[in-house]
């Protein structure tokens, strides 16, 4: 259920961009740098990463997401941050930066 809510909200580019800004300026800077390096907007990069995670996440990925969200005051933001940290910044994750075009 948590992943579905993140996908339903954060696959919209404008919502994804606003969510990143809400997480905090340091994280937003990191995501903006990653987006610029790929010649993408922040919203497009984040929405794509969330989509790819939802398609490719295995049981272990979903359990880690559930742990990251559990007890968080803002579960969607905590989940979004977790997804991006697990995928966008991890070269070895199946939904990671090597697979952005997929």
Protein backbone atom coordinates (compact mmCIF):
# COMPACT_ATOMS: atom_id res chain seq x y z
CA UNK A 1 0.00 0.00 0.00
CA UNK A 2 2.82 2.45 0.77
CA UNK A 3 4.42 1.96 -2.62
CA UNK A 4 1.08 2.46 -4.36
CA UNK A 5 0.58 5.81 -2.63
CA UNK A 6 4.09 6.96 -3.56
CA UNK A 7 3.55 5.87 -7.17
CA UNK A 8 0.12 7.54 -7.33
CA UNK A 9 1.53 10.86 -6.16
CA UNK A 10 5.19 11.03 -7.12
CA UNK A 11 4.93 9.86 -10.71
CA UNK A 12 3.45 13.28 -11.50
CA UNK A 13 6.42 15.50 -12.29
CA UNK A 14 5.16 18.62 -10.53
CA UNK A 15 4.26 16.65 -7.38
CA UNK A 16 7.61 14.84 -7.46
CA UNK A 17 9.49 18.13 -7.72
CA UNK A 18 7.55 19.66 -4.83
CA UNK A 19 8.11 16.54 -2.73
CA UNK A 20 11.87 16.72 -3.27
CA UNK A 21 11.89 20.35 -2.18
CA UNK A 22 9.93 19.33 0.94
CA UNK A 23 12.50 16.72 1.91
CA UNK A 24 15.17 19.37 2.40
CA UNK A 25 17.64 21.64 0.61
CA UNK A 26 20.65 19.32 0.76
CA UNK A 27 18.79 16.37 -0.70
CA UNK A 28 17.11 18.65 -3.25
CA UNK A 29 20.55 19.87 -4.36
CA UNK A 30 21.79 16.30 -4.81
CA UNK A 31 18.74 15.37 -6.86
CA UNK A 32 19.01 18.56 -8.93
CA UNK A 33 22.65 17.74 -9.73
CA UNK A 34 21.70 14.21 -10.76
CA UNK A 35 18.90 15.56 -12.96
CA UNK A 36 21.16 18.17 -14.57
CA UNK A 37 23.81 15.52 -15.29
CA UNK A 38 21.14 13.62 -17.24
CA UNK A 39 19.75 16.76 -18.90
CA UNK A 40 16.38 16.18 -17.19
CA UNK A 41 14.14 18.20 -14.94
CA UNK A 42 14.00 17.16 -11.30
CA UNK A 43 10.37 16.17 -11.66
CA UNK A 44 11.01 14.00 -14.73
CA UNK A 45 13.95 12.25 -13.10
CA UNK A 46 12.14 11.57 -9.84
CA UNK A 47 8.89 10.45 -11.48
CA UNK A 48 10.85 8.07 -13.70
CA UNK A 49 12.80 6.63 -10.79
CA UNK A 50 9.60 6.00 -8.84
CA UNK A 51 8.03 4.29 -11.86
CA UNK A 52 11.10 2.10 -12.42
CA UNK A 53 11.25 1.17 -8.74
CA UNK A 54 7.59 0.14 -8.77
CA UNK A 55 8.16 -2.05 -11.85
CA UNK A 56 11.41 -3.63 -10.69
CA UNK A 57 11.24 -3.78 -6.91
CA UNK A 58 11.47 -7.26 -5.50
CA UNK A 59 10.21 -8.46 -2.14
CA UNK A 60 13.42 -7.39 -0.39
CA UNK A 61 13.14 -3.89 -1.87
CA UNK A 62 9.53 -3.61 -0.74
CA UNK A 63 10.39 -4.75 2.77
CA UNK A 64 13.19 -2.18 3.00
CA UNK A 65 10.76 0.48 1.82
CA UNK A 66 8.22 -0.56 4.45
CA UNK A 67 10.90 -0.29 7.16
CA UNK A 68 11.91 3.17 5.91
CA UNK A 69 8.31 4.38 6.04
CA UNK A 70 7.30 2.74 9.32
CA UNK A 71 6.73 5.42 11.94
CA UNK A 72 7.81 8.27 9.68
CA UNK A 73 5.88 11.51 10.25
CA UNK A 74 5.64 11.97 6.46
CA UNK A 75 5.55 8.44 5.03
CA UNK A 76 5.36 9.44 1.36
CA UNK A 77 8.38 11.72 1.69
CA UNK A 78 10.31 9.10 3.67
CA UNK A 79 9.46 6.49 1.07
CA UNK A 80 10.39 8.76 -1.81
CA UNK A 81 13.72 9.56 -0.24
CA UNK A 82 14.36 5.87 0.37
CA UNK A 83 13.52 4.98 -3.23
CA UNK A 84 15.86 7.62 -4.60
CA UNK A 85 18.68 6.72 -2.23
CA UNK A 86 18.30 3.06 -3.16
CA UNK A 87 18.07 3.59 -6.90
CA UNK A 88 19.35 6.89 -8.19
CA UNK A 89 22.45 6.93 -6.05
CA UNK A 90 23.17 3.18 -6.20
CA UNK A 91 24.85 2.06 -9.42
CA UNK A 92 24.09 -1.60 -8.70
CA UNK A 93 20.35 -1.41 -8.05
CA UNK A 94 18.22 -2.76 -10.94
CA UNK A 95 16.41 0.59 -11.15
CA UNK A 96 19.65 2.53 -10.69
CA UNK A 97 21.24 5.20 -12.86
CA UNK A 98 22.64 2.71 -15.36
CA UNK A 99 19.06 1.82 -16.21
CA UNK A 100 17.50 5.27 -16.48
CA UNK A 101 16.69 4.81 -20.14
CA UNK A 102 14.87 1.54 -19.51
